[in-house]
Amino acid sequence: MSRIFHSSAAQKRIPDTQDVSRLIRWGDVIHINLGGYHMSPSSARTVNKTLGINDTQFKDGQLKIPINNWLADNKPDVLSGCLTWQFDPLSSRVFFFTHFCDDWVWPEEDEEDLRVKNWLKENGATDTEWIALYDEYGFTHFGLKPLAMAE
């Protein structure tokens, strides 16, 4: 399940992130730190092939479209995103975010995250690495759950 944590000592899980996603889509400013895994596009394409996701018409920086379409129906607690690093435009990364926190809480890898990492590896991912970052790139612009998009 996707998680948003608040500043209280006990980390609170919100069971339905649709309410938070709705606030984000309505334009409310919600500062979010993300945690999850990133990998090369070739590794993501291997996972896609294993899962039966057709990504042949997508460039590396667009892989979030077919991945999120699949995730929306099959694994809605994981959000995918793609980013091309500004210092190396030829080096895209594909992200699978599993952890959503308020901006004053930094996500740390835990057992729930590791289950997603193992799922990725079981489906062919080879260079999966944990990352925590502030969402300055708009990964959560449309909410915390993957949405099916028109291909």
N, C-alpha and C. Protein backbone atom coordinates (compact mmCIF):
# COMPACT_ATOMS: atom_id res chain seq x y z
N MET A 1 0.84 -1.17 0.00
CA MET A 1 0.00 0.00 0.00
C MET A 1 0.89 1.24 0.00
N SER A 2 0.55 2.22 -0.78
CA SER A 2 1.29 3.47 -0.80
C SER A 2 1.16 4.15 0.54
N ARG A 3 2.19 4.90 0.89
CA ARG A 3 2.18 5.49 2.21
C ARG A 3 2.42 6.98 2.17
N ILE A 4 1.70 7.70 3.01
CA ILE A 4 1.99 9.10 3.28
C ILE A 4 2.15 9.17 4.78
N PHE A 5 3.23 9.77 5.23
CA PHE A 5 3.49 9.87 6.65
C PHE A 5 3.35 11.31 7.09
N HIS A 6 2.94 11.50 8.31
CA HIS A 6 2.81 12.84 8.88
C HIS A 6 3.84 13.02 9.97
N SER A 7 3.93 14.22 10.48
CA SER A 7 5.02 14.57 11.38
C SER A 7 4.94 13.94 12.76
N SER A 8 3.86 13.30 13.11
CA SER A 8 3.78 12.68 14.42
C SER A 8 4.82 11.59 14.56
N ALA A 9 5.15 11.25 15.80
CA ALA A 9 6.18 10.24 16.03
C ALA A 9 5.79 8.91 15.41
N ALA A 10 4.51 8.56 15.50
CA ALA A 10 4.04 7.33 14.87
C ALA A 10 3.74 7.64 13.41
N GLN A 11 4.31 6.85 12.53
CA GLN A 11 4.09 7.09 11.11
C GLN A 11 2.70 6.57 10.74
N LYS A 12 1.85 7.47 10.27
CA LYS A 12 0.46 7.12 9.98
C LYS A 12 0.31 6.72 8.52
N ARG A 13 -0.31 5.58 8.30
CA ARG A 13 -0.62 5.15 6.93
C ARG A 13 -2.03 5.59 6.59
N ILE A 14 -2.19 6.12 5.41
CA ILE A 14 -3.51 6.48 4.94
C ILE A 14 -3.95 5.38 3.99
N PRO A 15 -4.99 4.61 4.35
CA PRO A 15 -5.35 3.45 3.55
C PRO A 15 -5.85 3.79 2.15
N ASP A 16 -6.46 4.95 1.96
CA ASP A 16 -6.98 5.31 0.64
C ASP A 16 -6.32 6.60 0.20
N THR A 17 -5.38 6.51 -0.74
CA THR A 17 -4.68 7.71 -1.18
C THR A 17 -5.47 8.46 -2.23
N GLN A 18 -6.67 8.00 -2.58
CA GLN A 18 -7.47 8.72 -3.57
C GLN A 18 -7.80 10.12 -3.09
N ASP A 19 -8.05 10.31 -1.79
CA ASP A 19 -8.34 11.64 -1.27
C ASP A 19 -7.15 12.57 -1.46
N VAL A 20 -5.97 12.08 -1.16
CA VAL A 20 -4.76 12.89 -1.34
C VAL A 20 -4.54 13.16 -2.82
N SER A 21 -4.71 12.15 -3.65
CA SER A 21 -4.55 12.31 -5.10
C SER A 21 -5.53 13.36 -5.63
N ARG A 22 -6.75 13.35 -5.11
CA ARG A 22 -7.75 14.32 -5.54
C ARG A 22 -7.29 15.74 -5.19
N LEU A 23 -6.74 15.93 -4.00
CA LEU A 23 -6.24 17.24 -3.60
C LEU A 23 -5.13 17.70 -4.53
N ILE A 24 -4.24 16.80 -4.89
CA ILE A 24 -3.14 17.15 -5.78
C ILE A 24 -3.68 17.56 -7.14
N ARG A 25 -4.62 16.77 -7.68
CA ARG A 25 -5.18 17.10 -8.99
C ARG A 25 -5.95 18.41 -8.98
N TRP A 26 -6.53 18.78 -7.84
CA TRP A 26 -7.26 20.04 -7.73
C TRP A 26 -6.32 21.22 -7.57
N GLY A 27 -5.03 20.97 -7.52
CA GLY A 27 -4.06 22.04 -7.49
C GLY A 27 -3.57 22.42 -6.11
N ASP A 28 -3.99 21.69 -5.07
CA ASP A 28 -3.46 21.98 -3.74
C ASP A 28 -1.96 21.71 -3.73
N VAL A 29 -1.21 22.57 -3.07
CA VAL A 29 0.23 22.39 -2.99
C VAL A 29 0.51 21.40 -1.86
N ILE A 30 0.99 20.24 -2.23
CA ILE A 30 1.36 19.22 -1.27
C ILE A 30 2.81 18.85 -1.56
N HIS A 31 3.68 19.13 -0.60
CA HIS A 31 5.10 18.83 -0.77
C HIS A 31 5.34 17.39 -0.37
N ILE A 32 5.91 16.63 -1.28
CA ILE A 32 6.04 15.19 -1.07
C ILE A 32 7.47 14.74 -1.32
N ASN A 33 7.96 13.92 -0.41
CA ASN A 33 9.20 13.18 -0.62
C ASN A 33 8.81 11.80 -1.09
N LEU A 34 9.57 11.28 -2.03
CA LEU A 34 9.29 9.98 -2.61
C LEU A 34 10.41 9.00 -2.31
N GLY A 35 10.05 7.77 -2.17
CA GLY A 35 11.02 6.70 -2.05
C GLY A 35 10.61 5.58 -2.98
N GLY A 36 11.58 4.93 -3.55
CA GLY A 36 11.28 3.83 -4.44
C GLY A 36 12.54 3.36 -5.13
N TYR A 37 12.36 2.73 -6.26
CA TYR A 37 13.48 2.13 -6.96
C TYR A 37 13.60 2.71 -8.36
N HIS A 38 14.84 2.82 -8.82
CA HIS A 38 15.07 3.26 -10.19
C HIS A 38 15.97 2.26 -10.88
N MET A 39 15.83 2.27 -12.20
CA MET A 39 16.58 1.32 -13.02
C MET A 39 16.74 1.90 -14.42
N SER A 40 17.56 1.27 -15.21
CA SER A 40 17.75 1.69 -16.60
C SER A 40 16.50 1.35 -17.41
N PRO A 41 16.28 2.08 -18.50
CA PRO A 41 15.16 1.74 -19.37
C PRO A 41 15.24 0.31 -19.91
N SER A 42 16.45 -0.18 -20.18
CA SER A 42 16.55 -1.55 -20.70
C SER A 42 16.11 -2.56 -19.65
N SER A 43 16.42 -2.30 -18.40
CA SER A 43 15.96 -3.18 -17.33
C SER A 43 14.44 -3.11 -17.19
N ALA A 44 13.88 -1.89 -17.29
CA ALA A 44 12.43 -1.72 -17.21
C ALA A 44 11.75 -2.44 -18.39
N ARG A 45 12.36 -2.39 -19.56
CA ARG A 45 11.78 -3.08 -20.72
C ARG A 45 11.77 -4.59 -20.52
N THR A 46 12.78 -5.11 -19.82
CA THR A 46 12.80 -6.54 -19.50
C THR A 46 11.63 -6.89 -18.59
N VAL A 47 11.40 -6.05 -17.57
CA VAL A 47 10.25 -6.26 -16.67
C VAL A 47 8.96 -6.20 -17.49
N ASN A 48 8.86 -5.20 -18.36
CA ASN A 48 7.66 -5.06 -19.18
C ASN A 48 7.40 -6.31 -20.02
N LYS A 49 8.45 -6.84 -20.62
CA LYS A 49 8.30 -8.04 -21.45
C LYS A 49 7.79 -9.21 -20.61
N THR A 50 8.36 -9.37 -19.42
CA THR A 50 7.94 -10.45 -18.53
C THR A 50 6.47 -10.32 -18.15
N LEU A 51 6.03 -9.07 -17.91
CA LEU A 51 4.65 -8.82 -17.48
C LEU A 51 3.68 -8.72 -18.65
N GLY A 52 4.19 -8.79 -19.88
CA GLY A 52 3.32 -8.70 -21.05
C GLY A 52 2.91 -7.28 -21.40
N ILE A 53 3.72 -6.29 -21.00
CA ILE A 53 3.45 -4.89 -21.30
C ILE A 53 4.10 -4.54 -22.63
N ASN A 54 3.30 -4.11 -23.58
CA ASN A 54 3.83 -3.73 -24.89
C ASN A 54 4.33 -2.29 -24.83
N ASP A 55 5.64 -2.11 -24.93
CA ASP A 55 6.23 -0.77 -24.85
C ASP A 55 6.98 -0.41 -26.13
N THR A 56 6.74 -1.14 -27.21
CA THR A 56 7.53 -0.95 -28.43
C THR A 56 7.36 0.43 -29.06
N GLN A 57 6.24 1.08 -28.86
CA GLN A 57 6.03 2.38 -29.50
C GLN A 57 6.46 3.56 -28.62
N PHE A 58 7.12 3.28 -27.49
CA PHE A 58 7.49 4.32 -26.54
C PHE A 58 9.00 4.49 -26.46
N LYS A 59 9.44 5.75 -26.42
CA LYS A 59 10.84 6.05 -26.17
C LYS A 59 11.13 5.80 -24.70
N ASP A 60 12.42 5.73 -24.37
CA ASP A 60 12.80 5.45 -22.98
C ASP A 60 12.17 6.43 -21.99
N GLY A 61 12.13 7.70 -22.31
CA GLY A 61 11.58 8.71 -21.42
C GLY A 61 10.06 8.70 -21.33
N GLN A 62 9.40 7.82 -22.08
CA GLN A 62 7.95 7.70 -22.07
C GLN A 62 7.46 6.37 -21.48
N LEU A 63 8.35 5.57 -20.96
CA LEU A 63 7.98 4.24 -20.48
C LEU A 63 6.96 4.26 -19.35
N LYS A 64 6.84 5.39 -18.65
CA LYS A 64 5.85 5.45 -17.57
C LYS A 64 4.43 5.25 -18.09
N ILE A 65 4.16 5.57 -19.35
CA ILE A 65 2.80 5.44 -19.88
C ILE A 65 2.34 3.99 -19.90
N PRO A 66 3.04 3.09 -20.60
CA PRO A 66 2.56 1.70 -20.58
C PRO A 66 2.71 1.04 -19.20
N ILE A 67 3.74 1.44 -18.44
CA ILE A 67 3.92 0.85 -17.12
C ILE A 67 2.79 1.25 -16.18
N ASN A 68 2.46 2.56 -16.14
CA ASN A 68 1.37 3.00 -15.25
C ASN A 68 0.02 2.45 -15.68
N ASN A 69 -0.17 2.26 -16.99
CA ASN A 69 -1.41 1.63 -17.45
C ASN A 69 -1.54 0.23 -16.84
N TRP A 70 -0.44 -0.52 -16.84
CA TRP A 70 -0.46 -1.87 -16.27
C TRP A 70 -0.61 -1.80 -14.75
N LEU A 71 0.16 -0.91 -14.12
CA LEU A 71 0.10 -0.79 -12.66
C LEU A 71 -1.29 -0.40 -12.18
N ALA A 72 -1.98 0.47 -12.90
CA ALA A 72 -3.31 0.92 -12.49
C ALA A 72 -4.27 -0.26 -12.34
N ASP A 73 -4.12 -1.26 -13.19
CA ASP A 73 -5.00 -2.43 -13.14
C ASP A 73 -4.47 -3.56 -12.26
N ASN A 74 -3.17 -3.62 -12.06
CA ASN A 74 -2.58 -4.80 -11.43
C ASN A 74 -1.84 -4.54 -10.12
N LYS A 75 -1.31 -3.38 -9.92
CA LYS A 75 -0.51 -3.09 -8.73
C LYS A 75 -0.63 -1.60 -8.41
N PRO A 76 -1.83 -1.16 -7.98
CA PRO A 76 -2.09 0.28 -7.84
C PRO A 76 -1.38 0.96 -6.68
N ASP A 77 -0.60 0.23 -5.91
CA ASP A 77 0.15 0.84 -4.81
C ASP A 77 1.56 1.26 -5.22
N VAL A 78 1.88 1.14 -6.50
CA VAL A 78 3.19 1.54 -7.02
C VAL A 78 2.96 2.54 -8.14
N LEU A 79 3.72 3.64 -8.14
CA LEU A 79 3.61 4.68 -9.16
C LEU A 79 4.90 4.72 -9.96
N SER A 80 4.79 4.73 -11.27
CA SER A 80 5.98 4.78 -12.12
C SER A 80 6.20 6.19 -12.64
N GLY A 81 7.44 6.48 -12.94
CA GLY A 81 7.80 7.76 -13.54
C GLY A 81 9.09 7.60 -14.32
N CYS A 82 9.36 8.53 -15.21
CA CYS A 82 10.59 8.51 -16.00
C CYS A 82 11.25 9.87 -15.93
N LEU A 83 12.56 9.87 -15.99
CA LEU A 83 13.30 11.11 -15.93
C LEU A 83 14.59 10.96 -16.72
N THR A 84 14.90 11.99 -17.48
CA THR A 84 16.19 12.06 -18.15
C THR A 84 17.05 13.00 -17.35
N TRP A 85 18.20 12.55 -16.90
CA TRP A 85 19.07 13.37 -16.06
C TRP A 85 19.55 14.58 -16.85
N GLN A 86 19.49 15.76 -16.24
CA GLN A 86 19.87 16.98 -16.95
C GLN A 86 21.34 17.01 -17.34
N PHE A 87 22.20 16.33 -16.61
CA PHE A 87 23.62 16.35 -16.91
C PHE A 87 24.02 15.29 -17.95
N ASP A 88 23.11 14.37 -18.22
CA ASP A 88 23.36 13.34 -19.22
C ASP A 88 22.04 13.00 -19.90
N PRO A 89 21.63 13.80 -20.89
CA PRO A 89 20.32 13.60 -21.51
C PRO A 89 20.11 12.23 -22.14
N LEU A 90 21.17 11.50 -22.39
CA LEU A 90 21.03 10.17 -22.98
C LEU A 90 20.80 9.09 -21.92
N SER A 91 20.85 9.49 -20.66
CA SER A 91 20.72 8.52 -19.58
C SER A 91 19.39 8.69 -18.85
N SER A 92 18.37 8.03 -19.33
CA SER A 92 17.06 8.06 -18.68
C SER A 92 17.03 7.04 -17.56
N ARG A 93 16.15 7.26 -16.60
CA ARG A 93 15.90 6.29 -15.54
C ARG A 93 14.40 6.09 -15.42
N VAL A 94 14.00 4.91 -15.06
CA VAL A 94 12.60 4.59 -14.83
C VAL A 94 12.45 4.33 -13.34
N PHE A 95 11.41 4.92 -12.74
CA PHE A 95 11.20 4.86 -11.30
C PHE A 95 9.94 4.08 -10.97
N PHE A 96 10.00 3.37 -9.86
CA PHE A 96 8.84 2.69 -9.29
C PHE A 96 8.75 3.18 -7.85
N PHE A 97 7.87 4.16 -7.61
CA PHE A 97 7.76 4.76 -6.28
C PHE A 97 6.80 3.95 -5.42
N THR A 98 7.24 3.69 -4.19
CA THR A 98 6.48 2.87 -3.25
C THR A 98 6.21 3.60 -1.95
N HIS A 99 6.80 4.74 -1.78
CA HIS A 99 6.83 5.42 -0.48
C HIS A 99 6.54 6.91 -0.72
N PHE A 100 5.51 7.45 -0.07
CA PHE A 100 5.14 8.85 -0.21
C PHE A 100 5.10 9.46 1.19
N CYS A 101 5.86 10.54 1.40
CA CYS A 101 5.97 11.15 2.71
C CYS A 101 5.77 12.66 2.62
N ASP A 102 5.29 13.25 3.72
CA ASP A 102 5.28 14.71 3.81
C ASP A 102 6.71 15.19 3.67
N ASP A 103 6.88 16.45 3.30
CA ASP A 103 8.22 16.95 2.98
C ASP A 103 9.16 17.02 4.18
N TRP A 104 8.67 16.88 5.41
CA TRP A 104 9.58 16.90 6.56
C TRP A 104 9.95 15.50 7.05
N VAL A 105 9.48 14.49 6.33
CA VAL A 105 9.83 13.11 6.65
C VAL A 105 10.57 12.53 5.45
N TRP A 106 11.74 11.96 5.68
CA TRP A 106 12.52 11.37 4.61
C TRP A 106 12.23 9.87 4.53
N PRO A 107 11.82 9.36 3.37
CA PRO A 107 11.50 7.93 3.28
C PRO A 107 12.75 7.06 3.43
N GLU A 108 12.57 6.00 4.17
CA GLU A 108 13.64 5.01 4.34
C GLU A 108 13.10 3.66 3.89
N GLU A 109 13.94 2.94 3.19
CA GLU A 109 13.57 1.63 2.67
C GLU A 109 13.15 0.71 3.81
N ASP A 110 12.02 0.03 3.64
CA ASP A 110 11.54 -0.89 4.66
C ASP A 110 11.08 -2.20 4.00
N GLU A 111 10.48 -3.08 4.80
CA GLU A 111 10.09 -4.40 4.30
C GLU A 111 9.09 -4.32 3.15
N GLU A 112 8.15 -3.39 3.25
CA GLU A 112 7.15 -3.24 2.19
C GLU A 112 7.82 -2.84 0.88
N ASP A 113 8.79 -1.93 0.96
CA ASP A 113 9.54 -1.53 -0.23
C ASP A 113 10.32 -2.71 -0.79
N LEU A 114 10.94 -3.46 0.09
CA LEU A 114 11.75 -4.60 -0.35
C LEU A 114 10.91 -5.65 -1.07
N ARG A 115 9.63 -5.78 -0.69
CA ARG A 115 8.75 -6.71 -1.42
C ARG A 115 8.59 -6.26 -2.87
N VAL A 116 8.47 -4.94 -3.08
CA VAL A 116 8.36 -4.43 -4.46
C VAL A 116 9.68 -4.64 -5.20
N LYS A 117 10.80 -4.39 -4.51
CA LYS A 117 12.11 -4.61 -5.14
C LYS A 117 12.25 -6.08 -5.57
N ASN A 118 11.87 -6.99 -4.69
CA ASN A 118 11.95 -8.41 -5.04
C ASN A 118 11.03 -8.75 -6.20
N TRP A 119 9.83 -8.16 -6.24
CA TRP A 119 8.90 -8.36 -7.34
C TRP A 119 9.52 -7.88 -8.65
N LEU A 120 10.16 -6.72 -8.62
CA LEU A 120 10.83 -6.21 -9.82
C LEU A 120 11.93 -7.16 -10.27
N LYS A 121 12.74 -7.63 -9.33
CA LYS A 121 13.83 -8.55 -9.68
C LYS A 121 13.30 -9.88 -10.21
N GLU A 122 12.23 -10.39 -9.60
CA GLU A 122 11.63 -11.64 -10.07
C GLU A 122 11.12 -11.51 -11.49
N ASN A 123 10.81 -10.28 -11.90
CA ASN A 123 10.30 -10.03 -13.24
C ASN A 123 11.37 -9.50 -14.20
N GLY A 124 12.65 -9.62 -13.81
CA GLY A 124 13.73 -9.36 -14.74
C GLY A 124 14.56 -8.11 -14.51
N ALA A 125 14.23 -7.29 -13.53
CA ALA A 125 15.03 -6.07 -13.27
C ALA A 125 16.42 -6.48 -12.80
N THR A 126 17.44 -5.81 -13.33
CA THR A 126 18.81 -6.19 -12.99
C THR A 126 19.59 -5.10 -12.27
N ASP A 127 19.22 -3.85 -12.42
CA ASP A 127 20.00 -2.76 -11.82
C ASP A 127 19.14 -1.87 -10.92
N THR A 128 18.33 -2.51 -10.09
CA THR A 128 17.38 -1.80 -9.24
C THR A 128 18.09 -1.20 -8.03
N GLU A 129 17.91 0.12 -7.83
CA GLU A 129 18.52 0.80 -6.69
C GLU A 129 17.48 1.65 -5.97
N TRP A 130 17.58 1.70 -4.64
CA TRP A 130 16.71 2.55 -3.82
C TRP A 130 17.08 4.01 -4.02
N ILE A 131 16.07 4.87 -4.03
CA ILE A 131 16.30 6.31 -4.10
C ILE A 131 15.22 7.01 -3.28
N ALA A 132 15.61 8.08 -2.61
CA ALA A 132 14.67 8.95 -1.92
C ALA A 132 14.91 10.36 -2.44
N LEU A 133 13.84 11.06 -2.81
CA LEU A 133 14.00 12.39 -3.37
C LEU A 133 12.75 13.22 -3.14
N TYR A 134 12.93 14.53 -3.14
CA TYR A 134 11.81 15.46 -3.09
C TYR A 134 11.20 15.51 -4.49
N ASP A 135 9.89 15.50 -4.57
CA ASP A 135 9.24 15.46 -5.89
C ASP A 135 9.21 16.84 -6.54
N GLU A 136 10.37 17.27 -6.98
CA GLU A 136 10.45 18.53 -7.72
C GLU A 136 10.23 18.31 -9.22
N TYR A 137 10.09 17.06 -9.64
CA TYR A 137 9.95 16.73 -11.05
C TYR A 137 8.50 16.48 -11.48
N GLY A 138 7.57 16.53 -10.55
CA GLY A 138 6.16 16.35 -10.88
C GLY A 138 5.71 14.92 -11.06
N PHE A 139 6.43 13.98 -10.45
CA PHE A 139 6.01 12.57 -10.57
C PHE A 139 4.59 12.37 -10.03
N THR A 140 4.23 13.13 -8.99
CA THR A 140 2.92 12.98 -8.36
C THR A 140 1.93 14.04 -8.83
N HIS A 141 2.19 14.66 -9.95
CA HIS A 141 1.34 15.74 -10.47
C HIS A 141 -0.13 15.31 -10.61
N PHE A 142 -0.37 14.05 -10.95
CA PHE A 142 -1.73 13.55 -11.12
C PHE A 142 -2.17 12.65 -9.97
N GLY A 143 -1.43 12.65 -8.89
CA GLY A 143 -1.80 11.85 -7.73
C GLY A 143 -0.75 10.81 -7.40
N LEU A 144 -1.08 10.03 -6.38
CA LEU A 144 -0.13 9.04 -5.86
C LEU A 144 -0.38 7.65 -6.42
N LYS A 145 -1.46 7.48 -7.13
CA LYS A 145 -1.76 6.17 -7.72
C LYS A 145 -1.56 6.27 -9.23
N PRO A 146 -1.16 5.17 -9.85
CA PRO A 146 -1.00 5.20 -11.30
C PRO A 146 -2.35 5.36 -11.98
N LEU A 147 -2.38 6.17 -13.02
CA LEU A 147 -3.59 6.36 -13.81
C LEU A 147 -3.35 5.80 -15.20
N ALA A 148 -4.35 5.12 -15.72
CA ALA A 148 -4.25 4.64 -17.10
C ALA A 148 -4.33 5.85 -18.02
N MET A 149 -3.40 5.91 -18.97
CA MET A 149 -3.36 7.01 -19.92
C MET A 149 -3.58 6.46 -21.32
N ALA A 150 -4.06 7.30 -22.19
CA ALA A 150 -4.22 6.88 -23.58
C ALA A 150 -2.86 6.65 -24.20
N GLU A 151 -2.72 5.57 -24.89
CA GLU A 151 -1.46 5.26 -25.56
C GLU A 151 -1.55 5.83 -26.93
